[in-house]
Every structure is written in C-alpha cells, then in structure tokens.
Protein backbone atom coordinates (compact mmCIF):
# COMPACT_ATOMS: atom_id res chain seq x y z
CA MET A 1 -41.47 13.53 -135.47
CA SER A 2 -44.47 13.43 -133.16
CA THR A 3 -45.27 16.66 -131.38
CA PHE A 4 -47.07 17.07 -128.11
CA GLN A 5 -47.85 19.84 -125.66
CA SER A 6 -45.85 20.52 -122.54
CA ALA A 7 -47.09 21.95 -119.29
CA PRO A 8 -45.86 25.45 -118.45
CA ASP A 9 -43.33 25.79 -115.65
CA GLY A 10 -45.86 27.79 -113.67
CA VAL A 11 -45.14 29.23 -110.26
CA ALA A 12 -44.76 26.01 -108.29
CA PRO A 13 -42.26 26.62 -105.47
CA LEU A 14 -38.88 24.95 -105.55
CA VAL A 15 -38.69 21.76 -103.48
CA PRO A 16 -35.70 21.52 -101.10
CA VAL A 17 -33.13 18.86 -101.95
CA SER A 18 -33.63 17.22 -98.56
CA ALA A 19 -37.42 16.98 -99.03
CA HIS A 20 -37.08 15.36 -102.46
CA LEU A 21 -34.56 12.85 -101.12
CA GLU A 22 -36.72 12.06 -98.09
CA ARG A 23 -39.67 11.25 -100.35
CA ILE A 24 -37.51 8.97 -102.47
CA LEU A 25 -36.09 7.09 -99.49
CA ALA A 26 -39.56 6.75 -97.97
CA THR A 27 -40.77 5.10 -101.19
CA VAL A 28 -37.86 2.78 -101.95
CA GLU A 29 -37.68 -0.42 -99.89
CA PRO A 30 -34.74 -2.85 -99.63
CA LEU A 31 -34.88 -5.91 -101.83
CA ARG A 32 -35.85 -9.07 -99.94
CA THR A 33 -33.90 -11.56 -102.05
CA VAL A 34 -30.84 -12.91 -100.23
CA GLU A 35 -27.98 -14.80 -101.85
CA VAL A 36 -25.15 -16.73 -100.21
CA VAL A 37 -21.80 -16.02 -101.90
CA ARG A 38 -18.24 -17.16 -101.42
CA LEU A 39 -15.94 -14.69 -99.69
CA ALA A 40 -14.04 -14.30 -102.96
CA ASP A 41 -17.24 -12.94 -104.56
CA ALA A 42 -18.45 -10.83 -101.61
CA ALA A 43 -16.52 -7.57 -102.10
CA GLY A 44 -18.83 -4.70 -102.98
CA ARG A 45 -22.00 -6.53 -101.91
CA THR A 46 -24.25 -5.62 -98.97
CA LEU A 47 -24.44 -7.99 -96.00
CA ALA A 48 -28.03 -9.19 -95.54
CA THR A 49 -27.79 -10.44 -91.93
CA GLY A 50 -25.26 -10.09 -89.15
CA VAL A 51 -22.63 -12.82 -88.84
CA ASP A 52 -20.74 -14.09 -85.79
CA ALA A 53 -17.26 -15.51 -85.31
CA LEU A 54 -16.99 -19.29 -85.61
CA VAL A 55 -13.57 -19.42 -83.92
CA ASP A 56 -11.63 -17.45 -81.34
CA LEU A 57 -9.40 -14.81 -82.90
CA PRO A 58 -6.53 -15.47 -82.40
CA SER A 59 -7.42 -19.13 -82.02
CA PHE A 60 -4.34 -19.81 -79.82
CA ASP A 61 -1.72 -17.85 -77.89
CA ASN A 62 0.94 -16.89 -80.43
CA SER A 63 4.06 -14.83 -80.72
CA ALA A 64 3.91 -11.24 -81.93
CA MET A 65 7.65 -11.17 -82.68
CA ASP A 66 10.50 -13.27 -84.02
CA GLY A 67 12.47 -14.14 -80.90
CA TYR A 68 12.51 -16.56 -77.96
CA ALA A 69 9.69 -17.82 -75.78
CA VAL A 70 10.88 -17.80 -72.17
CA ARG A 71 9.80 -18.19 -68.55
CA ARG A 72 10.04 -14.73 -67.00
CA ALA A 73 11.25 -16.18 -63.73
CA ASP A 74 14.38 -17.39 -65.54
CA VAL A 75 15.29 -14.01 -67.06
CA ALA A 76 14.04 -11.50 -64.47
CA ALA A 77 17.59 -10.27 -63.90
CA ALA A 78 18.71 -10.21 -67.55
CA ALA A 79 20.45 -7.05 -68.74
CA ASP A 80 22.88 -5.97 -71.45
CA ASP A 81 25.82 -6.23 -69.06
CA ALA A 82 24.50 -9.40 -67.36
CA PRO A 83 22.79 -11.66 -69.92
CA VAL A 84 21.05 -14.85 -68.85
CA VAL A 85 21.90 -17.95 -70.90
CA LEU A 86 19.15 -20.54 -71.58
CA ASP A 87 19.04 -23.87 -73.38
CA VAL A 88 17.11 -23.75 -76.68
CA VAL A 89 14.91 -26.86 -76.67
CA ALA A 90 12.64 -26.17 -79.67
CA ASP A 91 12.48 -24.23 -82.95
CA LEU A 92 8.91 -23.10 -83.69
CA PRO A 93 8.05 -21.56 -87.10
CA ALA A 94 4.60 -20.18 -87.90
CA GLY A 95 2.24 -23.09 -88.50
CA SER A 96 4.12 -25.45 -86.21
CA ALA A 97 1.97 -28.12 -84.56
CA GLU A 98 4.75 -29.24 -82.20
CA GLU A 99 3.68 -29.35 -78.57
CA VAL A 100 6.44 -28.06 -76.31
CA THR A 101 6.60 -27.40 -72.59
CA LEU A 102 9.40 -25.20 -71.23
CA GLY A 103 11.12 -26.19 -68.02
CA PRO A 104 13.43 -24.09 -65.84
CA GLY A 105 16.39 -22.66 -67.76
CA GLN A 106 14.86 -23.44 -71.15
CA ALA A 107 13.75 -21.30 -74.14
CA ALA A 108 12.20 -21.95 -77.55
CA ARG A 109 13.19 -20.07 -80.67
CA ILE A 110 9.88 -18.82 -82.07
CA MET A 111 8.70 -16.99 -85.18
CA THR A 112 5.86 -14.48 -85.47
CA GLY A 113 2.49 -16.26 -85.42
CA ALA A 114 3.79 -19.55 -83.99
CA PRO A 115 1.99 -21.08 -80.97
CA VAL A 116 3.56 -20.12 -77.64
CA PRO A 117 4.81 -23.25 -75.82
CA ALA A 118 3.35 -24.27 -72.48
CA GLY A 119 5.22 -22.79 -69.56
CA ALA A 120 6.30 -19.65 -71.47
CA ASP A 121 4.88 -16.34 -70.31
CA ALA A 122 6.80 -13.86 -72.48
CA VAL A 123 8.67 -13.55 -75.77
CA VAL A 124 12.01 -11.75 -76.03
CA PRO A 125 12.65 -10.20 -79.49
CA VAL A 126 15.65 -11.66 -81.30
CA GLU A 127 17.22 -8.19 -81.30
CA ARG A 128 17.61 -8.45 -77.47
CA THR A 129 19.50 -11.75 -77.70
CA ASP A 130 22.62 -13.19 -79.33
CA ALA A 131 20.35 -15.21 -81.70
CA GLY A 132 21.80 -18.54 -80.51
CA THR A 133 20.34 -21.84 -81.72
CA ALA A 134 21.57 -24.33 -79.11
CA ARG A 135 21.93 -21.86 -76.27
CA VAL A 136 20.78 -18.24 -76.27
CA ALA A 137 21.92 -15.22 -74.25
CA ILE A 138 18.97 -13.03 -73.17
CA HIS A 139 19.92 -9.35 -72.73
CA ALA A 140 16.61 -7.92 -71.45
CA ALA A 141 13.96 -8.86 -68.88
CA PRO A 142 10.52 -8.94 -70.54
CA ARG A 143 7.30 -7.65 -69.04
CA PRO A 144 4.50 -10.13 -68.18
CA GLY A 145 2.94 -11.43 -71.39
CA HIS A 146 5.36 -9.37 -73.46
CA HIS A 147 4.87 -9.93 -77.24
CA ILE A 148 2.26 -12.66 -76.76
CA ARG A 149 -1.06 -12.40 -78.60
CA LEU A 150 -3.63 -14.05 -76.35
CA ARG A 151 -6.31 -16.41 -77.62
CA GLY A 152 -9.58 -14.56 -78.20
CA GLU A 153 -8.19 -11.10 -77.47
CA ASP A 154 -9.61 -9.84 -80.80
CA LEU A 155 -12.83 -11.90 -81.00
CA ARG A 156 -14.39 -14.77 -79.09
CA THR A 157 -16.47 -17.48 -80.73
CA GLY A 158 -20.00 -16.08 -81.06
CA ASP A 159 -18.94 -12.43 -81.08
CA ARG A 160 -20.58 -10.31 -83.79
CA VAL A 161 -18.09 -9.75 -86.63
CA LEU A 162 -20.17 -7.88 -89.21
CA THR A 163 -23.62 -6.28 -88.98
CA ALA A 164 -26.44 -6.28 -91.51
CA GLY A 165 -26.37 -3.45 -94.03
CA MET A 166 -22.59 -3.17 -94.20
CA GLU A 167 -20.85 -2.83 -97.53
CA LEU A 168 -18.43 -5.73 -97.77
CA ASP A 169 -15.11 -4.12 -98.55
CA ALA A 170 -11.69 -5.80 -98.49
CA ARG A 171 -11.18 -5.35 -94.74
CA ARG A 172 -14.59 -6.76 -93.82
CA VAL A 173 -14.17 -9.76 -96.09
CA ALA A 174 -10.78 -10.40 -94.48
CA ALA A 175 -12.32 -10.19 -90.99
CA ALA A 176 -14.96 -12.73 -91.98
CA ALA A 177 -12.30 -15.10 -93.28
CA ALA A 178 -10.21 -14.78 -90.13
CA ALA A 179 -13.32 -15.48 -88.04
CA GLY A 180 -13.82 -18.85 -89.76
CA LEU A 181 -16.49 -17.96 -92.31
CA ALA A 182 -16.33 -19.22 -95.89
CA GLU A 183 -19.57 -17.67 -97.23
CA LEU A 184 -21.71 -14.64 -96.48
CA PRO A 185 -25.42 -13.82 -96.97
CA VAL A 186 -25.81 -10.77 -99.20
CA VAL A 187 -28.71 -8.78 -100.62
CA ALA A 188 -29.31 -9.45 -104.30
CA ALA A 189 -27.69 -6.75 -106.43
CA PRO A 190 -30.40 -4.38 -107.73
CA ARG A 191 -31.01 -4.53 -111.48
CA VAL A 192 -31.25 -1.06 -113.03
CA ALA A 193 -32.38 -0.04 -116.51
CA VAL A 194 -30.70 3.08 -117.90
CA VAL A 195 -32.41 5.06 -120.69
CA ALA A 196 -30.98 8.18 -122.32
CA THR A 197 -33.66 10.08 -124.24
CA GLY A 198 -33.22 12.60 -127.02
CA SER A 199 -33.56 12.51 -130.80
CA GLU A 200 -30.26 14.41 -131.00
CA LEU A 201 -28.29 11.49 -129.53
CA VAL A 202 -26.12 9.24 -131.69
CA GLU A 203 -23.71 6.39 -130.96
CA PRO A 204 -20.33 7.57 -129.61
CA GLY A 205 -17.86 7.75 -132.50
CA ALA A 206 -20.56 8.03 -135.17
CA PRO A 207 -20.44 10.97 -137.64
CA LEU A 208 -22.29 14.02 -136.36
CA ALA A 209 -24.91 15.57 -138.60
CA ARG A 210 -26.09 19.08 -137.86
CA GLY A 211 -27.84 19.24 -134.47
CA ARG A 212 -26.66 15.82 -133.32
CA ILE A 213 -24.42 14.98 -130.35
CA HIS A 214 -22.76 11.82 -129.11
CA ASP A 215 -24.61 10.05 -126.33
CA SER A 216 -22.54 10.17 -123.14
CA ASN A 217 -25.44 9.95 -120.68
CA SER A 218 -26.22 6.26 -121.11
CA LEU A 219 -22.55 5.42 -120.53
CA LEU A 220 -22.31 7.82 -117.58
CA LEU A 221 -25.39 6.38 -115.90
CA ALA A 222 -24.41 2.76 -116.55
CA ALA A 223 -21.00 3.35 -114.97
CA LEU A 224 -22.52 5.16 -111.97
CA VAL A 225 -25.01 2.32 -111.47
CA ALA A 226 -22.15 -0.19 -111.49
CA GLU A 227 -20.12 1.94 -109.06
CA ALA A 228 -23.11 1.81 -106.70
CA GLY A 229 -22.87 -1.99 -106.68
CA CYS A 230 -25.85 -2.60 -108.95
CA VAL A 231 -26.33 -4.51 -112.20
CA VAL A 232 -27.23 -2.69 -115.42
CA SER A 233 -30.13 -4.70 -116.85
CA GLU A 234 -30.39 -2.50 -119.96
CA ALA A 235 -28.63 0.60 -121.27
CA LEU A 236 -30.16 2.26 -124.31
CA ARG A 237 -31.11 5.50 -125.97
CA LEU A 238 -34.56 6.44 -127.23
CA PRO A 239 -35.70 9.32 -129.47
CA ASP A 240 -38.24 11.89 -128.38
CA GLU A 241 -41.11 9.72 -129.65
CA PRO A 242 -43.82 9.01 -127.03
CA GLN A 243 -44.91 5.74 -128.59
CA GLU A 244 -41.37 4.33 -128.64
CA LEU A 245 -41.08 5.07 -124.93
CA ARG A 246 -44.49 3.49 -124.23
CA ASP A 247 -43.47 0.41 -126.22
CA TRP A 248 -40.23 0.08 -124.27
CA LEU A 249 -42.04 0.39 -120.94
CA GLU A 250 -44.30 -2.48 -121.99
CA SER A 251 -41.49 -4.75 -123.20
CA ARG A 252 -38.59 -3.90 -120.88
CA SER A 253 -36.60 -6.57 -119.12
CA PRO A 254 -37.35 -7.21 -115.44
CA CYS A 255 -35.56 -4.69 -113.23
CA ASP A 256 -35.67 -3.11 -109.79
CA ALA A 257 -35.35 0.53 -110.88
CA VAL A 258 -35.38 2.65 -114.04
CA VAL A 259 -33.31 5.79 -114.56
CA PHE A 260 -34.04 8.19 -117.44
CA SER A 261 -31.91 11.10 -118.54
CA GLY A 262 -33.48 13.94 -120.46
CA GLY A 263 -37.09 14.75 -121.23
CA VAL A 264 -38.22 15.77 -117.74
CA SER A 265 -38.52 19.53 -118.10
CA VAL A 266 -41.27 21.56 -119.79
CA GLY A 267 -40.08 21.66 -123.39
CA ALA A 268 -42.37 20.78 -126.27
CA TYR A 269 -40.56 17.46 -126.82
CA ASP A 270 -39.86 16.36 -123.24
CA VAL A 271 -40.97 12.79 -123.80
CA VAL A 272 -40.40 11.41 -120.29
CA ARG A 273 -42.61 14.03 -118.70
CA HIS A 274 -45.29 13.46 -121.31
CA VAL A 275 -45.38 9.65 -121.08
CA LEU A 276 -44.72 9.12 -117.38
CA GLY A 277 -47.05 11.98 -116.52
CA GLU A 278 -49.89 9.90 -117.98
CA LEU A 279 -49.38 7.29 -115.25
CA GLY A 280 -50.39 9.59 -112.41
CA THR A 281 -47.76 7.99 -110.14
CA VAL A 282 -44.75 10.08 -111.14
CA ASP A 283 -44.11 13.64 -109.93
CA PHE A 284 -42.03 16.28 -111.71
CA PRO A 285 -40.83 18.71 -109.03
CA ARG A 286 -38.54 21.66 -109.52
CA VAL A 287 -35.80 21.06 -106.94
CA ALA A 288 -33.85 23.91 -105.36
CA MET A 289 -30.45 22.86 -106.67
CA GLN A 290 -27.88 23.83 -109.28
CA PRO A 291 -27.45 22.08 -111.60
CA GLY A 292 -30.40 19.70 -111.82
CA LYS A 293 -33.56 21.70 -111.07
CA PRO A 294 -36.03 19.59 -113.15
CA GLN A 295 -36.45 16.13 -111.63
CA ALA A 296 -38.88 13.25 -111.77
CA PHE A 297 -39.59 10.44 -109.35
CA GLY A 298 -42.36 7.94 -108.78
CA VAL A 299 -43.29 4.35 -109.52
CA LEU A 300 -44.32 2.56 -112.69
CA THR A 301 -47.55 0.59 -112.87
CA ASP A 302 -45.81 -2.52 -111.46
CA GLY A 303 -44.35 -0.57 -108.53
CA THR A 304 -40.83 -0.23 -109.93
CA PRO A 305 -39.16 3.02 -108.78
CA VAL A 306 -38.44 5.36 -111.68
CA PHE A 307 -36.14 8.38 -111.76
CA GLY A 308 -36.10 11.11 -114.36
CA LEU A 309 -32.97 13.28 -114.49
CA PRO A 310 -32.17 16.31 -116.61
CA GLY A 311 -30.39 15.75 -119.90
CA ASN A 312 -27.17 17.71 -119.51
CA PRO A 313 -24.29 15.49 -118.34
CA VAL A 314 -23.24 17.47 -115.26
CA SER A 315 -26.88 17.60 -114.16
CA VAL A 316 -27.06 13.83 -114.66
CA ALA A 317 -23.98 13.24 -112.50
CA VAL A 318 -25.16 15.62 -109.77
CA SER A 319 -28.72 14.28 -109.73
CA PHE A 320 -27.48 10.70 -109.57
CA GLU A 321 -25.22 11.57 -106.63
CA ALA A 322 -27.94 13.47 -104.77
CA PHE A 323 -30.92 11.17 -105.34
CA VAL A 324 -30.36 7.97 -107.33
CA ARG A 325 -27.26 6.64 -105.58
CA PRO A 326 -28.86 6.83 -102.08
CA ALA A 327 -31.98 5.12 -103.42
CA LEU A 328 -30.02 2.31 -105.06
CA LEU A 329 -28.08 1.76 -101.83
CA ARG A 330 -31.40 1.58 -99.99
CA LEU A 331 -32.61 -1.02 -102.54
CA ALA A 332 -29.41 -2.97 -101.89
CA GLY A 333 -30.12 -3.01 -98.14
CA ARG A 334 -27.31 -0.66 -97.19
CA ALA A 335 -27.60 0.73 -93.65
CA ASP A 336 -25.88 4.01 -94.51
CA VAL A 337 -26.90 5.47 -97.86
CA ARG A 338 -25.30 8.91 -97.58
CA ARG A 339 -21.75 9.50 -98.77
CA PRO A 340 -19.34 10.90 -96.15
CA THR A 341 -18.41 14.56 -96.59
CA TRP A 342 -15.39 16.58 -95.50
CA GLN A 343 -14.72 20.19 -94.67
CA VAL A 344 -12.07 21.56 -97.05
CA PRO A 345 -10.92 25.16 -97.72
CA ALA A 346 -11.51 26.63 -101.17
CA GLU A 347 -8.41 27.59 -103.13
CA ALA A 348 -10.37 30.12 -105.18
CA GLY A 349 -13.79 31.70 -104.95
CA TRP A 350 -16.92 31.31 -107.06
CA ARG A 351 -20.57 32.37 -107.18
CA SER A 352 -23.50 30.26 -105.99
CA PRO A 353 -27.17 30.88 -106.89
CA SER A 354 -29.28 32.33 -104.10
CA GLY A 355 -31.94 29.99 -102.77
CA ARG A 356 -30.55 26.85 -104.45
CA ARG A 357 -28.11 24.24 -103.16
CA GLN A 358 -25.13 24.21 -105.47
CA TYR A 359 -23.18 21.09 -106.38
CA MET A 360 -19.91 22.42 -107.79
CA PRO A 361 -17.68 19.85 -109.50
CA ILE A 362 -14.31 20.31 -107.79
CA ALA A 363 -10.74 19.19 -108.14
CA LEU A 364 -8.69 18.45 -105.04
CA VAL A 365 -5.42 20.37 -104.87
CA ALA A 366 -2.56 19.79 -102.40
CA ASP A 367 -0.68 22.87 -101.23
CA GLY A 368 3.06 22.84 -100.52
CA ARG A 369 2.41 21.40 -97.04
CA GLY A 370 0.20 18.58 -98.31
CA THR A 371 -3.02 20.19 -97.02
CA PRO A 372 -5.89 19.66 -99.49
CA THR A 373 -7.84 22.55 -100.95
CA VAL A 374 -10.52 22.55 -103.64
CA ARG A 375 -11.19 24.57 -106.76
CA PRO A 376 -13.82 24.31 -109.51
CA ALA A 377 -12.88 21.50 -111.88
CA SER A 378 -13.83 23.60 -114.89
CA ALA A 379 -13.42 27.27 -115.68
CA GLY A 380 -17.14 27.22 -116.45
CA GLY A 381 -17.99 26.26 -112.88
CA ALA A 382 -21.19 24.27 -112.36
CA GLY A 383 -22.53 24.65 -115.91
CA SER A 384 -24.73 21.65 -116.61
CA HIS A 385 -23.28 21.01 -120.09
CA LEU A 386 -19.57 20.98 -119.13
CA VAL A 387 -18.94 17.25 -119.44
CA GLY A 388 -15.27 17.84 -120.30
CA GLY A 389 -14.73 19.54 -116.95
CA LEU A 390 -16.59 16.71 -115.24
CA ALA A 391 -13.76 14.40 -116.26
CA LEU A 392 -11.41 16.45 -114.06
CA ALA A 393 -13.68 16.42 -111.00
CA ASP A 394 -12.78 14.51 -107.84
CA GLY A 395 -16.20 15.18 -106.33
CA PHE A 396 -18.59 17.98 -105.49
CA ALA A 397 -18.55 20.97 -103.18
CA ILE A 398 -22.03 21.27 -101.64
CA ILE A 399 -22.89 24.92 -101.06
CA PRO A 400 -25.94 25.73 -98.90
CA GLU A 401 -28.92 27.60 -100.27
CA ASP A 402 -28.20 30.72 -98.21
CA VAL A 403 -24.65 31.20 -99.54
CA ASP A 404 -24.23 33.44 -102.59
CA ASP A 405 -20.46 33.64 -102.74
CA VAL A 406 -17.61 31.31 -101.86
CA ALA A 407 -14.39 33.20 -101.17
CA ALA A 408 -10.86 31.85 -101.28
CA GLY A 409 -10.14 30.30 -97.87
CA ASP A 410 -13.79 29.59 -97.04
CA VAL A 411 -14.33 26.08 -95.72
CA VAL A 412 -16.84 24.13 -97.84
CA GLU A 413 -18.49 20.72 -97.54
CA VAL A 414 -17.01 18.27 -100.04
CA ALA A 415 -18.15 14.82 -101.18
CA VAL A 416 -15.30 12.92 -102.80
CA THR A 417 -16.64 10.56 -105.45
CA ARG A 418 -13.40 8.95 -106.63
C-alpha cells in the first residue's frame, strides 16, 4: 500500500451550500451536440430547441360527446315534455370522412371525435334523446356551440408547443404528436464516469475479509446518473493507490463528467484529494451541510467537470442531490435544474446541527385524513453511513442552517426523490 501525506483540515470556514452550487453551475455549460430522435425515443430527453405546431389542434370541428349534431334553430323549443323529432340523415363515427350538410329538420348521429357536419351548430348528448336511428326525439335545447370542439381552439399552426430546455415527459411527447411532429431535436445525453474509491471495497456478494465492505457507492451513483437522464460511460472501483488513479485518468473513456466517491477528506489515504489536488484546478471545500461536509469540484486537464463526494452512502446520495444532479441537468441543457420542494409537517421531531444545512432522509406518512407528514427514514437520522435507512427514504427534508431543532408539527421543506 502506498502512503502519502494529507493536508490538515485547518480553520478554513465552511462554504454555504448555495455558494458551492453556484460555482458549479457557473462552471458547467450545456452540451452543444444535438440529436434528432423519434417521439418513441424522446421521453426523458431534454428538448434542444423550441418546436411549433404543424397542424391546428383540433384540426377540424368535432364532437365532444356521443349524441346528435343538430341545427339549434330546429330544436330551440325542445323540452322533456315537448320533444322535437328530427330525421337522422347520417351516422358519423370517429374517423369518418363522410361530408354531410344538415338541412332544416335534420340531425346526424355522431360519436365523440367525429367531424361536425356542415350546418350543425350544436351537439345534443344521446342521454337527452330517445337514441333513435331513423328519427330521433330531442328532449333538450342546446346552447350555441354546445359540445363542439372548435378547430384550433387548443393550438393553431405555428403556435409554440414546447420550449427549449424542457424535459420531454409523457405529456409533452403526446402534445408533440398531436401537433403533427414525428421527431424532436434533443440535447445529447451526457456521458458520466462513476468511480468509487477505497481499498476496503469489494464486489457485492463477495466474501468479506476483516475490514472489507461491499461496494454500494458505484451502484448508487450509476443509478442516480441514469435517473438524471445521463449515460454511465464507466462504473468502477479503485483502491487507495495514487498511481492507479493517475493511470485511470490517463486512459479513461471519453465522457462529459466524472463523479468520484470517497477519498476527498483529509485522511492519510484520501487518494482523490491527493491526485486531483496535484492538478491545481480542483478545489476541496468544506461545505456547511450534514451529511456531506467534505466536497471536491473542478475540471480535469481536458476541461471535463469532476466531482468528488464523501465515501459514506448517505453522504453520496445527499451530495449527488445537492450538487451533481443540478450540474448534470445543466450539461443536458435543462432550463430548470432544481428539484421542486414542498412544505410538509413533521410527524416527529429531530435535531439539526447548528450552522449547517441538514438533509434528513425522510419517509412520507399519510395520516388518517390522507394528509402527508414526514419522519426520519431511519432511527439513526441523518447518519452518513446508514445506507439501510436510505432504502426507506422517499426524499430529503432540507433544514436551514439556523434551525437546531425540528419539533413535531413544524413545517419543513421536502424534496421528494421518488
């Protein structure tokens, strides 16, 4: 085992979470590579440029109900006790291309989505008729335009459908399809290398010798990278050997970002701090947060952004959520890189460290009325090593630096991560 000296922690002040994130986002720039993908492959990608409707939506006047297309003048006096009887001159299912014009005293049976015939200015639901097929009795006078979806009332040709920087979820892909688009321009998915460091790490499932632990960090980071819509270019573990890390940095596959776990603090074998510190382009701040105080961020010699996270699994998850995920979304061209948060009452109280922003893994709990509350996911609270409790977490409660205690009933800010 190679040994090397570490720098003492010293008296450097803690860096606020917001300041560390601002520096990261000021350094990371969106990728410039744009791909055109089929709608079927677009979900989860980031739209590169705004797109406009190619057709009116709806593209023709159509019925909003199963019923009868009528001329209002014919049925203005219709009522339950005085129905108006009309001749049924057409039967129009959805998709019908039949061109029909209604004359006086005529109606067309029509299904939802079918084109409204010329001359009709309202649709009477079948429930307000006797459902006749040759002749129909109308029992209610419709309002003008009743149950007719007008051409272009949702979108007109040329209207903006989706804006650049949007995540393409199911609803946005559906809107693009309805607007006549078959493909969308998206930002290339960032390629991210994931490296778990530590000579104590062994393959999950392998026998554990004294002092060894199973590597969960490389799997955790790879899954979080994928959840952020990125591609894992490599996922590996390295021992605390400086030369092995240097060799990997020289031979690594092309990527758009590198994320390390472990080795960023001030221990005698903190390999990431030792090797990346030689570059002069990576900083190792102490961030005012719990868990996750030791952090690293900078760029490699080729300009690739590099993140160094603490080695304990809860610290990895918290640090990824606070810093890496927003940066990867920025790389992917996302307009909004911050996760939405909600105000939720705490079911039980807990302590929070003074002067540090706490990220408490929490479980959502529904009370008897269906109102959500939160409680710590693990009895150990925000302990950085409690990976078992992390499995029970629905997200994080974010407790400000000036709060020392959370009491039952206090409203806390919550980011739901699943």
